[in-house]
Amino acid sequence: MESSELRVFQMVAREGSITKAAQQLGYVQSNVTARIQSMEAEVGSPLFNRHPRGMSLTSSGKLLLTYADKIIGLLDEAKLALTDQSKPYGTLAIGSTQTCAAVRLPALLTKYYQQFPDVQLSLTTGHTADLIDRMLHYELDGAFIGGSFEHPELTSVIAFPEELVIVSTPAVATLEEAVAKPVLVFSNGCSYREILQKWLSSLGPSRPPLMEFGTLEAILGGVAAGLGISLVPQTVADKYVKEGTMRTHTVPSPYRYINTEFITRKDAFNSSALRELIRLLQEPSAIEAD
């Protein structure tokens, strides 16, 4: 089994479709199909379940994917280590929560790019749980997540300390009035949602309805329109408070403060591009939002 075959397998597993994987890889579909069939013949069992909606991994496929991710990640890392120079260059794939990407990262990444224009930055947003999973599958070089997290394969540094607040329309005068309103949240996997639900659970058995949204903009738009409340960092709310479209309410301890942390793999080679980003994070000016 060659690394090129593992890359094809990995892409099909990621896309759930021969057609989409072929497009991503720049291959013809028949080539991708033949490689998957060859791998299945080699291991002696099917790697995918075929169905009208696409392809999903079998138990054998899931096991092989864990090894494929590690092997491909190590091969890419070895190439990076052998070609790394003191001057940062090449690609740097970063993940971030939407709230951090919206408020904290524009200034940081602009400063980074001004100093290191030869680095090709890419930014992927998602929930904390999704970003952690992408890190464990070697899909990202580093990620900004909400809250502290411990995993034997990951390490972290504090990127930005955050104060969390409840946001509502200006018409909602008190915190007691706010927590009776519907709650606007991301889907499961968002650290802010988990904190908000733990706090609301501590207030008693009565629960306001939850409404799930896919983007930060949709949540904030719903709050401004009077649809309900949400929990966000103070830095996110500042703009709307100044505009007069929202009011903030103080969250009690121990739910009031959280750190945005930057996670990396313990076993990964830290390229000069990644090391310089971590250095900028540790500068005092890094915690200042726009």
Protein backbone atom coordinates (compact mmCIF):
# COMPACT_ATOMS: atom_id res chain seq x y z
CA MET A 1 0.00 0.00 0.00
CA GLU A 2 1.61 3.23 -1.19
CA SER A 3 1.26 6.73 0.23
CA SER A 4 -0.42 7.91 -2.97
CA GLU A 5 -3.14 5.29 -2.46
CA LEU A 6 -3.57 6.35 1.16
CA ARG A 7 -4.04 9.97 0.05
CA VAL A 8 -6.74 8.89 -2.39
CA PHE A 9 -8.42 6.81 0.32
CA GLN A 10 -8.21 9.71 2.78
CA MET A 11 -9.81 12.13 0.32
CA VAL A 12 -12.68 9.74 -0.51
CA ALA A 13 -13.28 9.24 3.21
CA ARG A 14 -13.28 13.01 3.76
CA GLU A 15 -15.56 13.84 0.82
CA GLY A 16 -17.81 10.78 1.01
CA SER A 17 -17.87 10.58 -2.77
CA ILE A 18 -15.66 9.28 -5.57
CA THR A 19 -16.71 12.21 -7.77
CA LYS A 20 -15.87 14.89 -5.20
CA ALA A 21 -12.60 13.20 -4.24
CA ALA A 22 -11.55 13.01 -7.90
CA GLN A 23 -12.27 16.72 -8.31
CA GLN A 24 -10.21 17.62 -5.24
CA LEU A 25 -7.29 15.44 -6.35
CA GLY A 26 -7.43 16.36 -10.03
CA TYR A 27 -7.88 12.72 -11.04
CA VAL A 28 -10.40 11.05 -13.32
CA GLN A 29 -13.10 9.11 -11.46
CA SER A 30 -12.06 5.78 -12.89
CA ASN A 31 -8.56 6.24 -11.46
CA VAL A 32 -9.92 6.90 -7.97
CA THR A 33 -12.33 3.96 -8.21
CA ALA A 34 -9.55 1.62 -9.33
CA ARG A 35 -7.29 2.65 -6.46
CA ILE A 36 -10.00 2.10 -3.86
CA GLN A 37 -10.83 -1.30 -5.33
CA SER A 38 -7.14 -2.21 -5.32
CA MET A 39 -6.82 -1.28 -1.65
CA GLU A 40 -9.91 -3.27 -0.73
CA ALA A 41 -8.51 -6.28 -2.55
CA GLU A 42 -5.21 -5.87 -0.72
CA VAL A 43 -6.72 -5.69 2.78
CA GLY A 44 -9.32 -8.34 1.97
CA SER A 45 -12.40 -6.43 3.12
CA PRO A 46 -14.55 -3.50 1.92
CA LEU A 47 -13.43 -0.07 3.13
CA PHE A 48 -16.62 1.77 2.17
CA ASN A 49 -20.34 1.22 2.26
CA ARG A 50 -21.84 2.32 -1.07
CA HIS A 51 -25.28 3.93 -0.96
CA PRO A 52 -27.31 6.45 -3.02
CA ARG A 53 -26.08 9.38 -0.92
CA GLY A 54 -22.42 8.52 -1.46
CA MET A 55 -19.93 6.43 0.48
CA SER A 56 -19.34 5.92 4.20
CA LEU A 57 -16.55 4.08 5.96
CA THR A 58 -16.92 0.51 7.13
CA SER A 59 -15.36 -0.52 10.43
CA SER A 60 -12.24 -1.60 8.49
CA GLY A 61 -12.23 1.74 6.69
CA LYS A 62 -12.43 3.68 9.95
CA LEU A 63 -9.48 1.72 11.33
CA LEU A 64 -7.42 2.30 8.19
CA LEU A 65 -8.25 6.02 8.23
CA THR A 66 -6.68 6.45 11.66
CA TYR A 67 -3.43 5.02 10.30
CA ALA A 68 -3.70 6.90 7.00
CA ASP A 69 -4.07 10.22 8.82
CA LYS A 70 -0.98 9.52 10.92
CA ILE A 71 1.13 8.24 8.01
CA ILE A 72 0.24 11.10 5.68
CA GLY A 73 0.65 13.62 8.47
CA LEU A 74 4.12 12.29 9.29
CA LEU A 75 5.15 12.25 5.62
CA ASP A 76 4.05 15.86 5.16
CA GLU A 77 5.76 16.80 8.40
CA ALA A 78 9.01 15.13 7.34
CA LYS A 79 8.99 17.05 4.08
CA LEU A 80 8.36 20.27 5.97
CA ALA A 81 11.16 19.56 8.44
CA LEU A 82 13.65 18.85 5.65
CA THR A 83 12.78 22.01 3.73
CA ASP A 84 12.15 24.39 6.63
CA GLN A 85 14.25 27.53 6.68
CA SER A 86 14.82 30.16 9.32
CA LYS A 87 12.72 32.61 7.29
CA PRO A 88 9.04 31.57 7.45
CA TYR A 89 7.49 30.52 4.15
CA GLY A 90 5.15 27.91 2.73
CA THR A 91 1.66 27.07 3.98
CA LEU A 92 0.17 27.56 7.44
CA ALA A 93 -3.30 26.09 8.02
CA ILE A 94 -5.01 27.64 11.03
CA GLY A 95 -8.41 26.86 12.55
CA SER A 96 -10.51 29.14 14.73
CA THR A 97 -13.89 29.53 16.35
CA GLN A 98 -16.08 32.05 14.55
CA THR A 99 -16.06 34.49 17.45
CA CYS A 100 -12.27 34.55 17.64
CA ALA A 101 -11.95 34.81 13.86
CA ALA A 102 -14.36 37.73 13.74
CA VAL A 103 -12.80 39.87 16.47
CA ARG A 104 -9.35 38.71 17.51
CA LEU A 105 -7.66 37.36 14.39
CA PRO A 106 -7.92 40.15 11.78
CA ALA A 107 -5.35 42.34 13.53
CA LEU A 108 -3.11 39.41 14.49
CA LEU A 109 -3.07 37.84 11.03
CA THR A 110 -2.58 41.21 9.33
CA LYS A 111 0.46 41.85 11.51
CA TYR A 112 1.73 38.34 10.80
CA TYR A 113 1.32 38.68 7.03
CA GLN A 114 3.06 42.06 7.03
CA GLN A 115 6.09 40.48 8.65
CA PHE A 116 6.02 37.18 6.76
CA PRO A 117 4.48 37.70 3.30
CA ASP A 118 5.95 34.44 1.97
CA VAL A 119 3.68 32.37 4.21
CA GLN A 120 0.43 31.23 2.60
CA LEU A 121 -2.10 31.53 5.40
CA SER A 122 -5.41 29.67 5.35
CA LEU A 123 -8.12 30.00 8.00
CA THR A 124 -10.85 27.44 8.69
CA THR A 125 -13.64 28.25 11.15
CA GLY A 126 -15.67 25.78 13.18
CA HIS A 127 -16.79 24.75 16.64
CA THR A 128 -14.19 23.86 19.25
CA ALA A 129 -14.98 20.13 19.05
CA ASP A 130 -14.65 20.15 15.26
CA LEU A 131 -11.34 22.02 15.39
CA ILE A 132 -9.92 19.56 17.90
CA ASP A 133 -10.93 16.68 15.65
CA ARG A 134 -9.24 18.35 12.66
CA MET A 135 -6.07 18.79 14.71
CA LEU A 136 -6.06 15.12 15.69
CA HIS A 137 -6.41 14.18 12.01
CA TYR A 138 -3.44 16.38 10.97
CA GLU A 139 -5.67 18.70 8.94
CA LEU A 140 -4.55 21.88 10.73
CA ASP A 141 -1.21 23.21 11.97
CA GLY A 142 -2.86 24.96 14.90
CA ALA A 143 -6.27 26.12 16.09
CA PHE A 144 -7.85 28.75 18.32
CA ILE A 145 -10.44 27.08 20.56
CA GLY A 146 -12.71 28.32 23.32
CA GLY A 147 -11.71 27.23 26.80
CA SER A 148 -8.97 25.01 28.18
CA PHE A 149 -8.58 21.51 26.82
CA GLU A 150 -6.36 18.58 27.69
CA HIS A 151 -5.47 15.76 25.33
CA PRO A 152 -2.40 13.50 25.32
CA GLU A 153 -1.63 14.44 21.69
CA LEU A 154 -2.18 18.21 21.98
CA THR A 155 -0.58 21.13 23.76
CA SER A 156 -1.79 24.71 24.12
CA VAL A 157 -0.91 28.28 24.99
CA ILE A 158 -3.28 31.00 26.16
CA ALA A 159 -4.02 33.28 23.23
CA PHE A 160 -6.69 35.69 24.48
CA PRO A 161 -8.40 36.03 27.87
CA GLU A 162 -12.11 36.73 27.40
CA GLU A 163 -14.90 38.08 29.58
CA LEU A 164 -18.24 36.53 28.66
CA VAL A 165 -21.49 38.50 28.72
CA ILE A 166 -25.13 37.91 27.93
CA VAL A 167 -26.33 40.06 25.03
CA SER A 168 -29.91 41.15 24.51
CA THR A 169 -31.84 44.05 23.00
CA PRO A 170 -31.62 47.33 24.95
CA ALA A 171 -35.26 46.80 25.99
CA VAL A 172 -34.22 43.90 28.25
CA ALA A 173 -33.20 45.73 31.41
CA THR A 174 -32.06 43.00 33.82
CA LEU A 175 -30.23 39.69 33.79
CA GLU A 176 -33.27 38.00 35.33
CA GLU A 177 -35.41 39.21 32.45
CA ALA A 178 -32.77 38.16 29.93
CA VAL A 179 -32.45 34.52 31.05
CA ALA A 180 -36.20 34.02 30.54
CA LYS A 181 -35.80 34.74 26.81
CA PRO A 182 -35.09 32.12 24.11
CA VAL A 183 -31.39 31.28 23.84
CA LEU A 184 -29.60 31.58 20.49
CA VAL A 185 -26.65 29.20 20.15
CA PHE A 186 -24.41 27.31 17.75
CA SER A 187 -24.88 23.57 17.33
CA ASN A 188 -23.32 21.11 19.80
CA GLY A 189 -19.55 21.35 20.06
CA CYS A 190 -19.45 25.09 20.76
CA SER A 191 -17.72 25.88 24.06
CA TYR A 192 -19.84 29.02 24.65
CA ARG A 193 -23.01 26.97 24.29
CA GLU A 194 -21.73 24.44 26.83
CA ILE A 195 -20.92 27.20 29.34
CA LEU A 196 -24.29 28.88 28.84
CA GLN A 197 -26.19 25.62 29.28
CA LYS A 198 -24.27 24.76 32.47
CA TRP A 199 -25.05 28.19 33.90
CA LEU A 200 -28.74 28.06 32.96
CA SER A 201 -29.00 24.56 34.45
CA SER A 202 -27.62 25.89 37.73
CA LEU A 203 -30.48 28.41 37.90
CA GLY A 204 -33.18 25.76 38.17
CA PRO A 205 -35.23 23.20 36.25
CA SER A 206 -37.02 25.71 34.02
CA ARG A 207 -35.27 26.00 30.65
CA PRO A 208 -35.82 28.67 27.99
CA PRO A 209 -36.06 27.28 24.43
CA LEU A 210 -32.84 26.84 22.44
CA MET A 211 -32.55 28.02 18.85
CA GLU A 212 -29.58 26.78 16.82
CA PHE A 213 -27.87 28.94 14.20
CA GLY A 214 -24.98 28.23 11.85
CA THR A 215 -23.11 31.53 11.96
CA LEU A 216 -22.15 34.19 14.47
CA GLU A 217 -23.73 36.85 12.25
CA ALA A 218 -27.08 35.02 12.35
CA ILE A 219 -26.96 34.76 16.15
CA LEU A 220 -26.11 38.42 16.63
CA GLY A 221 -28.72 39.46 14.07
CA GLY A 222 -31.35 37.45 15.94
CA VAL A 223 -30.38 39.03 19.26
CA ALA A 224 -30.49 42.54 17.78
CA ALA A 225 -33.93 41.80 16.32
CA GLY A 226 -35.26 40.75 19.72
CA LEU A 227 -35.47 37.02 19.03
CA GLY A 228 -33.60 36.07 22.20
CA ILE A 229 -30.26 36.24 24.03
CA SER A 230 -26.83 34.71 23.61
CA LEU A 231 -23.49 34.34 25.40
CA VAL A 232 -20.52 35.97 23.67
CA PRO A 233 -17.17 37.55 24.57
CA GLN A 234 -17.36 41.20 25.59
CA THR A 235 -15.13 42.08 22.63
CA VAL A 236 -17.81 40.77 20.25
CA ALA A 237 -20.58 42.74 21.96
CA ASP A 238 -18.72 46.09 22.16
CA LYS A 239 -19.55 47.14 18.61
CA TYR A 240 -23.27 46.52 19.01
CA VAL A 241 -23.40 48.21 22.40
CA LYS A 242 -21.81 51.34 20.92
CA GLU A 243 -24.32 51.28 18.08
CA GLY A 244 -27.14 51.05 20.61
CA THR A 245 -28.56 47.81 19.21
CA MET A 246 -27.68 45.58 22.17
CA ARG A 247 -27.30 45.60 25.92
CA THR A 248 -24.85 43.42 27.88
CA HIS A 249 -25.51 41.68 31.17
CA THR A 250 -22.78 40.50 33.55
CA VAL A 251 -22.39 36.75 33.92
CA PRO A 252 -21.63 35.49 37.45
CA SER A 253 -18.54 33.48 38.36
CA PRO A 254 -17.40 30.81 37.57
CA TYR A 255 -18.91 31.27 34.10
CA ARG A 256 -17.73 34.82 33.48
CA TYR A 257 -14.18 34.28 32.22
CA ILE A 258 -12.72 31.96 29.62
CA ASN A 259 -9.47 31.76 27.69
CA THR A 260 -9.18 31.34 23.97
CA GLU A 261 -6.31 28.87 23.62
CA PHE A 262 -4.11 28.07 20.64
CA ILE A 263 -3.56 24.34 20.31
CA THR A 264 -0.87 22.44 18.39
CA ARG A 265 0.15 18.80 18.16
CA LYS A 266 2.77 17.61 20.66
CA ASP A 267 4.36 15.27 18.15
CA ALA A 268 4.36 17.68 15.22
CA PHE A 269 7.31 19.54 13.77
CA ASN A 270 6.78 23.24 14.50
CA SER A 271 7.77 25.03 11.31
CA SER A 272 9.31 28.50 11.46
CA ALA A 273 5.97 29.84 10.17
CA LEU A 274 4.12 28.31 13.12
CA ARG A 275 6.78 29.32 15.64
CA GLU A 276 6.52 32.95 14.56
CA LEU A 277 2.73 32.93 14.96
CA ILE A 278 3.10 31.59 18.49
CA ARG A 279 5.72 34.28 19.19
CA LEU A 280 3.32 37.01 18.07
CA LEU A 281 0.61 35.53 20.29
CA GLN A 282 2.86 35.86 23.31
CA GLU A 283 3.53 39.55 22.70
CA PRO A 284 1.48 41.86 25.00
CA SER A 285 -0.12 43.64 22.03
CA ALA A 286 -1.61 40.36 20.77
CA ILE A 287 -4.49 40.49 23.26
CA GLU A 288 -5.73 43.83 21.94
CA ALA A 289 -8.78 43.47 19.71
CA ASP A 290 -9.76 45.86 16.95
